[in-house]
């Protein structure tokens, strides 16, 4: 599948901010089942985008701009050719052993209720893949999707208790549960084409000082001996298909957030996000 992505993040400041610093994890990598045809990042202010790899091997860009800044726009557009790998991630150079992803974070701590839930979902199942699918199905039955924006600091146990949330919350619950039953798991961010049509969203979020932009899609990856890392999307009750574009991974959402940063000075900050993900009509020639 050829997937076209256009992702705009727009900050407005009133009164103007004195400056801003941003880190972007908005560039996909090539690996088995994913080939980047074209990709570009544009920033409205005059600044230098510094490219590097973070600790997890994600492609990142950072920039700093001096004010006064009334509006700051980050525009990403590109095309990616994908193939279905049944959720198995291959061709990626791993920086750390899988055991690192047993480490809890503040967002993925499992409380007694969540631990008991994960144990019950996997009870009596020996095969690791089957255990993970059972956990995913149980989360899908327990949770109701809530399209309202979720704060970047919402934890797995908070979302589990509420029984509602967005993809970020589903993924955190899956990660917390998988780790509790002894399976390394991590967060994956990216994009998804829904029902073969464009996925669009625009959000207005007030006073997001240092918060991550809530856009795109998030799921989990779990480590299975003999297969390696395998994606699980509890929001959609499936392993990632050719409809997914994978951007970044981390111990939780904050480690793989598409956009994170801070501004200094100024007054109220407002953020709007516009995202379109669709199947491109153009095909690779030859």
Protein backbone atom coordinates (compact mmCIF):
# COMPACT_ATOMS: atom_id res chain seq x y z
CA UNK A 1 0.00 0.00 0.00
CA UNK A 2 1.23 3.50 -0.81
CA UNK A 3 0.27 5.80 2.10
CA UNK A 4 0.26 9.58 1.96
CA UNK A 5 0.58 11.53 5.23
CA UNK A 6 0.10 15.24 5.90
CA UNK A 7 0.47 16.26 9.54
CA UNK A 8 0.28 19.90 10.65
CA UNK A 9 0.93 21.05 14.23
CA UNK A 10 0.17 24.73 14.84
CA UNK A 11 0.95 26.62 18.04
CA UNK A 12 -0.39 30.11 18.74
CA UNK A 13 0.75 32.34 21.61
CA UNK A 14 -1.05 35.34 23.10
CA UNK A 15 0.89 37.39 24.01
CA UNK A 16 3.82 36.16 21.87
CA UNK A 17 6.29 33.68 23.35
CA UNK A 18 9.94 34.60 23.83
CA UNK A 19 11.13 31.36 22.25
CA UNK A 20 10.49 27.63 21.81
CA UNK A 21 12.38 24.35 21.68
CA UNK A 22 10.92 21.26 20.00
CA UNK A 23 11.89 17.62 19.49
CA UNK A 24 10.22 15.82 16.60
CA UNK A 25 9.92 12.06 16.15
CA UNK A 26 8.11 12.44 12.87
CA UNK A 27 10.36 10.62 10.41
CA UNK A 28 9.77 6.91 9.66
CA UNK A 29 12.64 4.50 9.03
CA UNK A 30 12.99 1.89 6.32
CA UNK A 31 12.59 -1.71 7.47
CA UNK A 32 10.97 -4.89 6.26
CA UNK A 33 7.46 -4.00 5.10
CA UNK A 34 8.08 -0.22 5.19
CA UNK A 35 9.90 1.88 2.59
CA UNK A 36 9.96 5.67 2.76
CA UNK A 37 9.35 7.04 -0.75
CA UNK A 38 9.49 10.73 0.18
CA UNK A 39 9.36 12.71 3.42
CA UNK A 40 9.90 16.30 4.46
CA UNK A 41 9.50 18.51 7.54
CA UNK A 42 8.88 22.26 7.28
CA UNK A 43 8.96 24.74 10.15
CA UNK A 44 7.38 28.17 9.73
CA UNK A 45 10.11 30.03 11.62
CA UNK A 46 13.65 30.42 10.33
CA UNK A 47 15.70 27.84 12.23
CA UNK A 48 17.99 24.88 11.75
CA UNK A 49 16.59 21.36 12.04
CA UNK A 50 19.21 19.17 13.67
CA UNK A 51 18.84 15.48 12.80
CA UNK A 52 20.06 12.68 15.03
CA UNK A 53 19.05 9.33 16.49
CA UNK A 54 17.80 9.03 20.05
CA UNK A 55 18.69 6.25 22.48
CA UNK A 56 16.09 3.91 20.97
CA UNK A 57 17.26 4.47 17.41
CA UNK A 58 14.36 6.74 16.43
CA UNK A 59 15.07 9.40 13.81
CA UNK A 60 14.58 12.75 15.52
CA UNK A 61 14.85 16.43 14.67
CA UNK A 62 15.31 19.25 17.14
CA UNK A 63 15.09 22.99 16.68
CA UNK A 64 15.07 26.17 18.73
CA UNK A 65 13.51 29.48 17.69
CA UNK A 66 13.82 32.91 19.23
CA UNK A 67 10.82 35.16 19.69
CA UNK A 68 8.69 37.00 19.74
CA UNK A 69 6.57 34.15 18.32
CA UNK A 70 2.84 34.55 17.72
CA UNK A 71 2.45 31.35 15.69
CA UNK A 72 4.65 28.32 15.09
CA UNK A 73 3.80 25.69 12.47
CA UNK A 74 5.39 22.28 11.97
CA UNK A 75 4.28 20.62 8.73
CA UNK A 76 5.16 17.04 7.81
CA UNK A 77 4.28 15.48 4.47
CA UNK A 78 5.40 12.29 2.79
CA UNK A 79 4.65 8.92 1.25
CA UNK A 80 5.49 5.46 2.48
CA UNK A 81 5.16 2.10 0.69
CA UNK A 82 4.07 -0.65 3.07
CA UNK A 83 3.52 -4.40 3.04
CA UNK A 84 1.73 -6.65 5.53
CA UNK A 85 4.17 -8.53 7.79
CA UNK A 86 1.50 -9.85 10.20
CA UNK A 87 2.76 -7.35 12.76
CA UNK A 88 6.30 -8.77 12.90
CA UNK A 89 8.99 -6.07 12.93
CA UNK A 90 12.17 -7.08 11.10
CA UNK A 91 15.08 -5.22 9.60
CA UNK A 92 15.40 -2.76 12.49
CA UNK A 93 18.66 -2.44 14.38
CA UNK A 94 17.86 -2.79 18.06
CA UNK A 95 19.88 -0.70 20.50
CA UNK A 96 18.92 -2.62 23.64
CA UNK A 97 18.14 -6.19 24.68
CA UNK A 98 14.47 -7.02 24.95
CA UNK A 99 14.78 -7.25 28.73
CA UNK A 100 15.11 -3.45 28.94
CA UNK A 101 11.44 -3.23 27.97
CA UNK A 102 10.41 -4.95 31.17
CA UNK A 103 11.17 -1.64 32.92
CA UNK A 104 8.15 0.12 34.37
CA UNK A 105 7.58 3.83 33.87
CA UNK A 106 5.20 6.18 35.61
CA UNK A 107 2.76 5.80 32.70
CA UNK A 108 2.88 1.99 32.64
CA UNK A 109 2.81 0.94 36.29
CA UNK A 110 0.26 -1.83 36.87
CA UNK A 111 -1.77 -1.56 40.07
CA UNK A 112 -3.32 -4.66 41.74
CA UNK A 113 -6.50 -4.44 39.61
CA UNK A 114 -4.58 -4.27 36.34
CA UNK A 115 -2.20 -7.04 37.39
CA UNK A 116 -5.13 -9.33 38.26
CA UNK A 117 -6.77 -8.47 34.93
CA UNK A 118 -3.65 -9.43 32.96
CA UNK A 119 -3.22 -12.67 34.90
CA UNK A 120 -6.84 -13.65 34.27
CA UNK A 121 -6.62 -12.84 30.56
CA UNK A 122 -3.55 -15.09 30.13
CA UNK A 123 -4.60 -17.84 32.55
CA UNK A 124 -4.13 -21.36 31.22
CA UNK A 125 -2.48 -20.22 27.95
CA UNK A 126 1.09 -21.43 27.40
CA UNK A 127 1.86 -20.05 23.95
CA UNK A 128 3.22 -16.50 24.20
CA UNK A 129 1.55 -15.23 21.03
CA UNK A 130 -1.78 -16.65 22.19
CA UNK A 131 -1.32 -15.01 25.60
CA UNK A 132 -0.74 -11.64 23.98
CA UNK A 133 -3.76 -11.99 21.72
CA UNK A 134 -5.88 -12.94 24.73
CA UNK A 135 -4.65 -9.85 26.59
CA UNK A 136 -5.43 -7.65 23.59
CA UNK A 137 -8.95 -9.08 23.29
CA UNK A 138 -9.57 -8.61 27.01
CA UNK A 139 -8.52 -4.95 26.83
CA UNK A 140 -10.82 -4.40 23.88
CA UNK A 141 -13.74 -5.82 25.86
CA UNK A 142 -12.88 -3.83 29.00
CA UNK A 143 -12.32 -0.42 27.40
CA UNK A 144 -14.55 2.01 25.52
CA UNK A 145 -12.90 4.32 23.01
CA UNK A 146 -13.20 7.96 24.06
CA UNK A 147 -12.26 10.41 21.29
CA UNK A 148 -11.67 13.28 23.71
CA UNK A 149 -8.00 14.31 23.87
CA UNK A 150 -6.02 12.46 26.53
CA UNK A 151 -3.35 14.18 28.55
CA UNK A 152 0.18 12.93 27.95
CA UNK A 153 0.39 12.12 31.66
CA UNK A 154 -2.63 9.77 31.83
CA UNK A 155 -1.39 6.48 33.30
CA UNK A 156 -2.33 2.92 32.46
CA UNK A 157 -3.96 2.36 35.85
CA UNK A 158 -5.98 5.60 35.56
CA UNK A 159 -7.30 4.71 32.10
CA UNK A 160 -7.98 1.13 33.19
CA UNK A 161 -10.04 2.35 36.14
CA UNK A 162 -11.99 4.77 33.92
CA UNK A 163 -12.60 1.99 31.35
CA UNK A 164 -12.22 4.51 28.54
CA UNK A 165 -9.51 6.30 26.63
CA UNK A 166 -7.75 6.76 23.31
CA UNK A 167 -5.17 4.60 21.56
CA UNK A 168 -2.40 5.84 23.85
CA UNK A 169 -4.31 4.53 26.88
CA UNK A 170 -5.09 1.16 25.28
CA UNK A 171 -1.41 0.73 24.45
CA UNK A 172 -0.25 1.65 27.95
CA UNK A 173 -2.64 -0.87 29.51
CA UNK A 174 -1.40 -3.56 27.12
CA UNK A 175 2.24 -2.73 27.91
CA UNK A 176 1.64 -2.77 31.67
CA UNK A 177 -0.23 -6.08 31.45
CA UNK A 178 2.31 -7.76 29.18
CA UNK A 179 5.22 -6.78 31.40
CA UNK A 180 3.40 -8.07 34.46
CA UNK A 181 2.99 -11.53 32.88
CA UNK A 182 6.69 -11.56 31.98
CA UNK A 183 6.69 -10.35 28.38
CA UNK A 184 8.79 -7.32 27.30
CA UNK A 185 6.62 -4.66 25.70
CA UNK A 186 7.04 -1.12 24.37
CA UNK A 187 5.08 1.75 22.86
CA UNK A 188 5.03 2.41 19.09
CA UNK A 189 3.82 5.62 17.47
CA UNK A 190 2.82 6.22 13.88
CA UNK A 191 -0.12 6.57 11.54
CA UNK A 192 -2.93 4.35 10.29
CA UNK A 193 -5.24 4.40 7.28
CA UNK A 194 -8.73 3.64 8.54
CA UNK A 195 -11.15 1.69 6.32
CA UNK A 196 -9.15 2.63 3.24
CA UNK A 197 -10.24 6.26 3.62
CA UNK A 198 -8.61 9.41 4.87
CA UNK A 199 -8.17 9.77 8.61
CA UNK A 200 -8.46 13.41 9.59
CA UNK A 201 -8.57 15.13 12.95
CA UNK A 202 -8.30 18.67 14.18
CA UNK A 203 -7.93 19.43 17.86
CA UNK A 204 -7.81 22.65 19.84
CA UNK A 205 -6.05 22.22 23.18
CA UNK A 206 -5.58 25.13 25.57
CA UNK A 207 -2.52 25.82 27.71
CA UNK A 208 -0.45 22.81 26.68
CA UNK A 209 2.85 23.83 28.22
CA UNK A 210 5.33 21.13 27.26
CA UNK A 211 2.62 18.63 26.35
CA UNK A 212 2.85 16.34 23.37
CA UNK A 213 0.63 16.84 20.36
CA UNK A 214 -2.15 14.28 20.34
CA UNK A 215 -2.27 13.09 16.76
CA UNK A 216 -1.64 9.98 14.76
CA UNK A 217 -1.92 6.52 16.24
CA UNK A 218 -0.26 4.46 18.93
CA UNK A 219 -0.02 0.75 19.62
CA UNK A 220 2.24 -1.69 21.45
CA UNK A 221 4.99 -4.12 20.47
CA UNK A 222 5.82 -7.24 22.47
CA UNK A 223 8.87 -9.48 22.25
CA UNK A 224 8.27 -13.10 21.25
CA UNK A 225 11.14 -15.59 21.22
CA UNK A 226 11.73 -16.86 17.70
CA UNK A 227 9.85 -13.99 16.07
CA UNK A 228 11.26 -10.87 17.66
CA UNK A 229 9.11 -7.80 18.12
CA UNK A 230 5.45 -8.13 17.14
CA UNK A 231 2.92 -5.29 17.04
CA UNK A 232 -0.42 -5.44 18.85
CA UNK A 233 -3.06 -2.75 18.43
CA UNK A 234 -5.63 -3.20 21.23
CA UNK A 235 -7.62 -0.19 20.01
CA UNK A 236 -8.44 -1.97 16.76
CA UNK A 237 -7.99 -5.57 18.04
CA UNK A 238 -5.42 -6.52 15.42
CA UNK A 239 -1.73 -6.75 14.68
CA UNK A 240 -0.48 -3.89 12.48
CA UNK A 241 -1.11 -4.41 8.76
CA UNK A 242 0.03 -2.64 5.61
CA UNK A 243 -2.26 0.24 6.66
CA UNK A 244 0.23 1.29 9.39
CA UNK A 245 3.21 3.63 9.19
CA UNK A 246 5.64 3.11 12.09
CA UNK A 247 7.49 6.20 13.36
CA UNK A 248 9.12 5.61 16.75
CA UNK A 249 9.28 3.37 19.82
CA UNK A 250 9.88 3.95 23.51
CA UNK A 251 9.19 2.62 26.98
CA UNK A 252 5.93 4.58 26.88
CA UNK A 253 4.18 7.34 24.94
CA UNK A 254 6.51 10.07 26.13
CA UNK A 255 9.52 8.20 24.74
CA UNK A 256 7.93 7.93 21.30
CA UNK A 257 5.84 11.12 21.17
CA UNK A 258 5.72 12.64 17.66
CA UNK A 259 6.12 16.20 18.99
CA UNK A 260 7.44 17.33 22.37
CA UNK A 261 8.82 20.62 23.51
CA UNK A 262 8.61 23.75 25.57
CA UNK A 263 8.14 27.43 25.03
CA UNK A 264 9.28 30.17 27.37
CA UNK A 265 7.66 33.49 28.08
CA UNK A 266 4.45 34.74 26.61
CA UNK A 267 0.90 34.04 27.73
CA UNK A 268 -1.64 31.40 26.78
CA UNK A 269 -0.57 28.65 24.41
CA UNK A 270 -3.07 26.99 22.08
CA UNK A 271 -2.38 23.98 19.91
CA UNK A 272 -4.26 22.67 16.89
CA UNK A 273 -3.42 19.50 15.00
CA UNK A 274 -4.62 18.59 11.51
CA UNK A 275 -3.83 15.12 10.22
CA UNK A 276 -4.71 13.38 6.98
CA UNK A 277 -3.63 9.78 6.32
CA UNK A 278 -4.87 8.14 3.14
CA UNK A 279 -3.99 5.66 0.45
CA UNK A 280 -2.07 7.41 -2.30
CA UNK A 281 -3.25 7.02 -5.88
CA UNK A 282 0.34 7.06 -7.11
CA UNK A 283 2.20 3.77 -7.46
CA UNK A 284 5.87 2.89 -7.73
CA UNK A 285 6.92 2.68 -11.37
CA UNK A 286 8.95 -0.16 -12.79
